[in-house]
Amino acid sequence: MNFENLNIWCWLVPALVGIISGILGYLIGKGSHTTIDNSADLNLLKDKNAKLQADLDACNGKLTAASAAAAAATVAAVAPIVEKDLPFDAEAAKLAMGKKINQDDLKVVEGIGPKISEMFQNAGIKTWKALSETSVAKCQEVLDGGGERYRIHDPASWPMQAKMCYEGKWTELAKWQDEHDHGKL
């Protein structure tokens, strides 16, 4: 490199301008920066949050106690109804079905005839309520126990129909039986 032709000012001026700009930028940046102390506001919000959390815990405790009391009251109110059988209204059954209906007569369920009714009686399923609480698989087991002749029957709707009988929903049962062919779903 040839230093004779090099003018010192070509190097010195940009270097001085850069150094002066850096110092001025540092001083301006440092001078405008102010620290804001938000610790008082932060502490105030922390105290408010703690108070709200305590209120929430108190409300949740009251809610838990109230729901436990309500559940106990519901169980106490429902328990006598569950233990007691629903009343049978023979007149409503006759009116809806068009014939005299005896209480807990399983033959009212479409698809159950005298022989199948007797098989269920022998299996300990003697009421509409008992049949409504019996699974379809258990109904099929009872039918299978009667031999080949009874395996062709489809008991899928029998618990549902028995439940309608037990609950006294005679018009719904009559409508359902009219809409379905031989009690098949």
C-alpha atoms as a PDB file:
ATOM      1  CA  MET A   1       0.000   0.000   0.000  1.00  0.00           C
ATOM      2  CA  ASN A   2       1.195   3.428  -0.896  1.00  0.00           C
ATOM      3  CA  PHE A   3       0.995   5.772   2.074  1.00  0.00           C
ATOM      4  CA  GLU A   4       2.165   8.840   0.198  1.00  0.00           C
ATOM      5  CA  ASN A   5      -1.097   9.333  -1.579  1.00  0.00           C
ATOM      6  CA  LEU A   6      -3.143   8.622   1.481  1.00  0.00           C
ATOM      7  CA  ASN A   7      -4.666  11.652   3.022  1.00  0.00           C
ATOM      8  CA  ILE A   8      -4.897  11.380   6.796  1.00  0.00           C
ATOM      9  CA  TRP A   9      -8.091  13.325   6.859  1.00  0.00           C
ATOM     10  CA  CYS A  10      -9.918  10.599   4.889  1.00  0.00           C
ATOM     11  CA  TRP A  11      -9.368   8.314   7.830  1.00  0.00           C
ATOM     12  CA  LEU A  12      -9.515  10.718  10.684  1.00  0.00           C
ATOM     13  CA  VAL A  13     -12.823  12.496   9.890  1.00  0.00           C
ATOM     14  CA  PRO A  14     -15.008   9.338   9.712  1.00  0.00           C
ATOM     15  CA  ALA A  15     -13.356   7.919  12.821  1.00  0.00           C
ATOM     16  CA  LEU A  16     -13.980  11.108  14.807  1.00  0.00           C
ATOM     17  CA  VAL A  17     -17.572  11.353  13.578  1.00  0.00           C
ATOM     18  CA  GLY A  18     -18.213   7.735  14.636  1.00  0.00           C
ATOM     19  CA  ILE A  19     -16.681   8.215  18.076  1.00  0.00           C
ATOM     20  CA  ILE A  20     -18.561  11.481  18.702  1.00  0.00           C
ATOM     21  CA  SER A  21     -21.858   9.883  17.492  1.00  0.00           C
ATOM     22  CA  GLY A  22     -21.331   6.916  19.784  1.00  0.00           C
ATOM     23  CA  ILE A  23     -20.681   9.116  22.819  1.00  0.00           C
ATOM     24  CA  LEU A  24     -23.651  11.379  22.076  1.00  0.00           C
ATOM     25  CA  GLY A  25     -25.932   8.332  21.540  1.00  0.00           C
ATOM     26  CA  TYR A  26     -24.826   6.844  24.844  1.00  0.00           C
ATOM     27  CA  LEU A  27     -25.365  10.122  26.748  1.00  0.00           C
ATOM     28  CA  ILE A  28     -28.785  10.752  25.178  1.00  0.00           C
ATOM     29  CA  GLY A  29     -29.885   7.168  25.829  1.00  0.00           C
ATOM     30  CA  LYS A  30     -28.717   7.197  29.417  1.00  0.00           C
ATOM     31  CA  GLY A  31     -30.168  10.610  30.137  1.00  0.00           C
ATOM     32  CA  SER A  32     -33.688   9.789  28.906  1.00  0.00           C
ATOM     33  CA  HIS A  33     -33.923   6.487  30.728  1.00  0.00           C
ATOM     34  CA  THR A  34     -35.859   6.770  33.978  1.00  0.00           C
ATOM     35  CA  THR A  35     -36.653   3.863  36.257  1.00  0.00           C
ATOM     36  CA  ILE A  36     -40.330   3.603  37.207  1.00  0.00           C
ATOM     37  CA  ASP A  37     -40.965   1.981  40.547  1.00  0.00           C
ATOM     38  CA  ASN A  38     -44.171  -0.108  40.300  1.00  0.00           C
ATOM     39  CA  SER A  39     -43.525  -2.158  43.403  1.00  0.00           C
ATOM     40  CA  ALA A  40     -46.271  -0.367  45.363  1.00  0.00           C
ATOM     41  CA  ASP A  41     -48.859  -1.121  42.657  1.00  0.00           C
ATOM     42  CA  LEU A  42     -47.608  -4.687  42.383  1.00  0.00           C
ATOM     43  CA  ASN A  43     -47.957  -5.233  46.131  1.00  0.00           C
ATOM     44  CA  LEU A  44     -51.448  -3.699  46.067  1.00  0.00           C
ATOM     45  CA  LEU A  45     -52.524  -6.073  43.278  1.00  0.00           C
ATOM     46  CA  LYS A  46     -51.004  -9.074  45.080  1.00  0.00           C
ATOM     47  CA  ASP A  47     -53.016  -8.205  48.218  1.00  0.00           C
ATOM     48  CA  LYS A  48     -56.197  -7.813  46.156  1.00  0.00           C
ATOM     49  CA  ASN A  49     -55.557 -11.159  44.436  1.00  0.00           C
ATOM     50  CA  ALA A  50     -55.055 -12.895  47.798  1.00  0.00           C
ATOM     51  CA  LYS A  51     -58.346 -11.431  49.096  1.00  0.00           C
ATOM     52  CA  LEU A  52     -60.221 -12.547  45.965  1.00  0.00           C
ATOM     53  CA  GLN A  53     -58.716 -16.040  46.244  1.00  0.00           C
ATOM     54  CA  ALA A  54     -59.874 -16.266  49.865  1.00  0.00           C
ATOM     55  CA  ASP A  55     -63.386 -15.163  48.825  1.00  0.00           C
ATOM     56  CA  LEU A  56     -63.407 -17.769  46.035  1.00  0.00           C
ATOM     57  CA  ASP A  57     -62.345 -20.524  48.437  1.00  0.00           C
ATOM     58  CA  ALA A  58     -65.092 -19.503  50.868  1.00  0.00           C
ATOM     59  CA  CYS A  59     -67.711 -19.550  48.090  1.00  0.00           C
ATOM     60  CA  ASN A  60     -66.517 -22.958  46.882  1.00  0.00           C
ATOM     61  CA  GLY A  61     -66.791 -24.276  50.431  1.00  0.00           C
ATOM     62  CA  LYS A  62     -70.373 -22.992  50.707  1.00  0.00           C
ATOM     63  CA  LEU A  63     -71.223 -24.446  47.305  1.00  0.00           C
ATOM     64  CA  THR A  64     -69.822 -27.851  48.248  1.00  0.00           C
ATOM     65  CA  ALA A  65     -71.785 -27.848  51.489  1.00  0.00           C
ATOM     66  CA  ALA A  66     -74.969 -26.741  49.711  1.00  0.00           C
ATOM     67  CA  SER A  67     -74.643 -29.352  46.962  1.00  0.00           C
ATOM     68  CA  ALA A  68     -73.983 -32.091  49.533  1.00  0.00           C
ATOM     69  CA  ALA A  69     -77.081 -31.013  51.449  1.00  0.00           C
ATOM     70  CA  ALA A  70     -79.132 -30.886  48.250  1.00  0.00           C
ATOM     71  CA  ALA A  71     -77.909 -34.342  47.210  1.00  0.00           C
ATOM     72  CA  ALA A  72     -78.792 -35.736  50.623  1.00  0.00           C
ATOM     73  CA  ALA A  73     -82.233 -34.131  50.407  1.00  0.00           C
ATOM     74  CA  THR A  74     -82.753 -35.529  46.890  1.00  0.00           C
ATOM     75  CA  VAL A  75     -81.744 -39.013  47.970  1.00  0.00           C
ATOM     76  CA  ALA A  76     -84.054 -38.776  50.963  1.00  0.00           C
ATOM     77  CA  ALA A  77     -86.921 -37.556  48.788  1.00  0.00           C
ATOM     78  CA  VAL A  78     -86.367 -40.089  45.987  1.00  0.00           C
ATOM     79  CA  ALA A  79     -85.641 -43.116  48.162  1.00  0.00           C
ATOM     80  CA  PRO A  80     -89.273 -43.734  49.185  1.00  0.00           C
ATOM     81  CA  ILE A  81     -90.374 -43.444  45.548  1.00  0.00           C
ATOM     82  CA  VAL A  82     -87.738 -45.875  44.315  1.00  0.00           C
ATOM     83  CA  GLU A  83     -88.519 -48.442  46.979  1.00  0.00           C
ATOM     84  CA  LYS A  84     -92.270 -48.225  46.431  1.00  0.00           C
ATOM     85  CA  ASP A  85     -93.792 -49.668  43.253  1.00  0.00           C
ATOM     86  CA  LEU A  86     -95.645 -47.382  40.903  1.00  0.00           C
ATOM     87  CA  PRO A  87     -99.433 -47.744  41.063  1.00  0.00           C
ATOM     88  CA  PHE A  88    -101.148 -49.786  38.352  1.00  0.00           C
ATOM     89  CA  ASP A  89    -104.098 -48.124  36.597  1.00  0.00           C
ATOM     90  CA  ALA A  90    -106.096 -50.958  34.997  1.00  0.00           C
ATOM     91  CA  GLU A  91    -108.647 -48.562  33.494  1.00  0.00           C
ATOM     92  CA  ALA A  92    -105.992 -46.499  31.673  1.00  0.00           C
ATOM     93  CA  ALA A  93    -104.351 -49.699  30.440  1.00  0.00           C
ATOM     94  CA  LYS A  94    -107.676 -51.042  29.122  1.00  0.00           C
ATOM     95  CA  LEU A  95    -108.475 -47.732  27.452  1.00  0.00           C
ATOM     96  CA  ALA A  96    -105.106 -47.503  25.663  1.00  0.00           C
ATOM     97  CA  MET A  97    -104.640 -51.170  24.785  1.00  0.00           C
ATOM     98  CA  GLY A  98    -108.253 -51.988  23.951  1.00  0.00           C
ATOM     99  CA  LYS A  99    -108.431 -55.014  26.248  1.00  0.00           C
ATOM    100  CA  LYS A 100    -108.303 -55.857  29.939  1.00  0.00           C
ATOM    101  CA  ILE A 101    -104.745 -55.842  31.270  1.00  0.00           C
ATOM    102  CA  ASN A 102    -103.715 -57.666  34.434  1.00  0.00           C
ATOM    103  CA  GLN A 103    -100.925 -56.226  36.535  1.00  0.00           C
ATOM    104  CA  ASP A 104     -97.476 -57.670  35.763  1.00  0.00           C
ATOM    105  CA  ASP A 105     -98.802 -59.778  32.877  1.00  0.00           C
ATOM    106  CA  LEU A 106     -95.706 -60.278  30.743  1.00  0.00           C
ATOM    107  CA  LYS A 107     -97.843 -61.278  27.756  1.00  0.00           C
ATOM    108  CA  VAL A 108     -98.681 -57.577  27.267  1.00  0.00           C
ATOM    109  CA  VAL A 109     -95.160 -57.198  25.887  1.00  0.00           C
ATOM    110  CA  GLU A 110     -95.358 -57.853  22.181  1.00  0.00           C
ATOM    111  CA  GLY A 111     -93.397 -61.003  21.338  1.00  0.00           C
ATOM    112  CA  ILE A 112     -94.057 -62.747  24.658  1.00  0.00           C
ATOM    113  CA  GLY A 113     -96.701 -65.434  24.643  1.00  0.00           C
ATOM    114  CA  PRO A 114     -97.920 -67.836  27.362  1.00  0.00           C
ATOM    115  CA  LYS A 115     -94.981 -70.264  27.062  1.00  0.00           C
ATOM    116  CA  ILE A 116     -92.303 -67.541  27.051  1.00  0.00           C
ATOM    117  CA  SER A 117     -94.060 -65.822  29.955  1.00  0.00           C
ATOM    118  CA  GLU A 118     -93.904 -69.091  31.879  1.00  0.00           C
ATOM    119  CA  MET A 119     -90.187 -69.449  31.076  1.00  0.00           C
ATOM    120  CA  PHE A 120     -89.517 -65.954  32.448  1.00  0.00           C
ATOM    121  CA  GLN A 121     -91.608 -66.711  35.552  1.00  0.00           C
ATOM    122  CA  ASN A 122     -89.489 -69.831  36.151  1.00  0.00           C
ATOM    123  CA  ALA A 123     -86.318 -67.737  35.724  1.00  0.00           C
ATOM    124  CA  GLY A 124     -87.504 -65.393  38.501  1.00  0.00           C
ATOM    125  CA  ILE A 125     -88.605 -62.558  36.208  1.00  0.00           C
ATOM    126  CA  LYS A 126     -92.216 -62.202  37.290  1.00  0.00           C
ATOM    127  CA  THR A 127     -93.003 -58.471  37.021  1.00  0.00           C
ATOM    128  CA  TRP A 128     -92.789 -55.705  34.454  1.00  0.00           C
ATOM    129  CA  LYS A 129     -90.260 -53.955  36.668  1.00  0.00           C
ATOM    130  CA  ALA A 130     -88.057 -57.058  36.835  1.00  0.00           C
ATOM    131  CA  LEU A 131     -88.235 -57.503  33.060  1.00  0.00           C
ATOM    132  CA  SER A 132     -87.462 -53.813  32.473  1.00  0.00           C
ATOM    133  CA  GLU A 133     -84.297 -54.186  34.575  1.00  0.00           C
ATOM    134  CA  THR A 134     -83.214 -57.376  32.770  1.00  0.00           C
ATOM    135  CA  SER A 135     -80.579 -57.130  30.052  1.00  0.00           C
ATOM    136  CA  VAL A 136     -81.338 -58.291  26.535  1.00  0.00           C
ATOM    137  CA  ALA A 137     -78.564 -60.888  26.896  1.00  0.00           C
ATOM    138  CA  LYS A 138     -80.275 -62.358  29.984  1.00  0.00           C
ATOM    139  CA  CYS A 139     -83.600 -62.438  28.107  1.00  0.00           C
ATOM    140  CA  GLN A 140     -81.871 -64.331  25.302  1.00  0.00           C
ATOM    141  CA  GLU A 141     -80.422 -66.805  27.843  1.00  0.00           C
ATOM    142  CA  VAL A 142     -83.926 -67.518  29.148  1.00  0.00           C
ATOM    143  CA  LEU A 143     -85.134 -68.100  25.582  1.00  0.00           C
ATOM    144  CA  ASP A 144     -82.142 -70.319  24.774  1.00  0.00           C
ATOM    145  CA  GLY A 145     -82.991 -72.413  27.826  1.00  0.00           C
ATOM    146  CA  GLY A 146     -86.327 -73.276  26.208  1.00  0.00           C
ATOM    147  CA  GLY A 147     -84.723 -75.050  23.296  1.00  0.00           C
ATOM    148  CA  GLU A 148     -84.389 -74.481  19.582  1.00  0.00           C
ATOM    149  CA  ARG A 149     -87.999 -73.407  19.179  1.00  0.00           C
ATOM    150  CA  TYR A 150     -87.525 -70.225  21.262  1.00  0.00           C
ATOM    151  CA  ARG A 151     -84.130 -69.106  19.945  1.00  0.00           C
ATOM    152  CA  ILE A 152     -85.707 -67.405  16.945  1.00  0.00           C
ATOM    153  CA  HIS A 153     -87.430 -64.766  19.111  1.00  0.00           C
ATOM    154  CA  ASP A 154     -85.852 -61.307  19.368  1.00  0.00           C
ATOM    155  CA  PRO A 155     -86.029 -59.928  22.937  1.00  0.00           C
ATOM    156  CA  ALA A 156     -84.296 -56.611  22.100  1.00  0.00           C
ATOM    157  CA  SER A 157     -87.399 -54.496  22.795  1.00  0.00           C
ATOM    158  CA  TRP A 158     -88.864 -56.470  25.700  1.00  0.00           C
ATOM    159  CA  PRO A 159     -87.161 -54.564  28.559  1.00  0.00           C
ATOM    160  CA  MET A 160     -88.193 -51.258  26.972  1.00  0.00           C
ATOM    161  CA  GLN A 161     -91.808 -52.389  26.537  1.00  0.00           C
ATOM    162  CA  ALA A 162     -91.876 -53.736  30.099  1.00  0.00           C
ATOM    163  CA  LYS A 163     -90.618 -50.386  31.368  1.00  0.00           C
ATOM    164  CA  MET A 164     -93.471 -48.623  29.583  1.00  0.00           C
ATOM    165  CA  CYS A 165     -95.907 -51.053  31.251  1.00  0.00           C
ATOM    166  CA  TYR A 166     -94.341 -50.549  34.679  1.00  0.00           C
ATOM    167  CA  GLU A 167     -94.397 -46.752  34.350  1.00  0.00           C
ATOM    168  CA  GLY A 168     -97.999 -46.764  33.104  1.00  0.00           C
ATOM    169  CA  LYS A 169     -97.184 -45.315  29.684  1.00  0.00           C
ATOM    170  CA  TRP A 170     -99.953 -47.230  27.971  1.00  0.00           C
ATOM    171  CA  THR A 171    -100.622 -44.875  25.061  1.00  0.00           C
ATOM    172  CA  GLU A 172     -96.910 -44.806  24.177  1.00  0.00           C
ATOM    173  CA  LEU A 173     -96.769 -48.612  24.392  1.00  0.00           C
ATOM    174  CA  ALA A 174     -99.839 -49.048  22.183  1.00  0.00           C
ATOM    175  CA  LYS A 175     -98.418 -46.605  19.619  1.00  0.00           C
ATOM    176  CA  TRP A 176     -95.022 -48.316  19.665  1.00  0.00           C
ATOM    177  CA  GLN A 177     -96.568 -51.773  19.218  1.00  0.00           C
ATOM    178  CA  ASP A 178     -98.689 -50.507  16.316  1.00  0.00           C
ATOM    179  CA  GLU A 179     -95.602 -49.079  14.578  1.00  0.00           C
ATOM    180  CA  HIS A 180     -93.372 -52.158  15.040  1.00  0.00           C
ATOM    181  CA  ASP A 181     -93.878 -55.599  13.551  1.00  0.00           C
ATOM    182  CA  HIS A 182     -94.127 -58.210  16.313  1.00  0.00           C
ATOM    183  CA  GLY A 183     -92.064 -56.171  18.774  1.00  0.00           C
ATOM    184  CA  LYS A 184     -88.934 -56.043  16.619  1.00  0.00           C
ATOM    185  CA  LEU A 185     -86.814 -52.921  16.671  1.00  0.00           C
END
